[in-house]
Amino acid sequence: MLGLLAMFWGRREEKGYFEALATRKADLREFTEHWPSRPQPGALKLGGWIAIAIGLVIALLGVFFLLFGSGQV
């Protein structure tokens, strides 16, 4: 869930960033100097994919140990 949230947040930030550029053609300071600083949309989306991949691996390992674990030490 955290991964999906990060991906949607990244897409929303990216859309807002480019829409801000489209409305202010004369002032490209935000684009060239990255000021004011914002969370980078690409990093949020990448973090979302990483969180989803790790979550799937953990879930698959949980199912594997549930089905094939002997429970004896």
Foldseek 3Di string as FASTA:
>chain_A
DQLVVLLVVLVVVVVVVVVVCVVCVPDCCCVPVVPPPDPHSVVSNVSSVVVVVVVVVVVVVVVCCVVPPPPDD
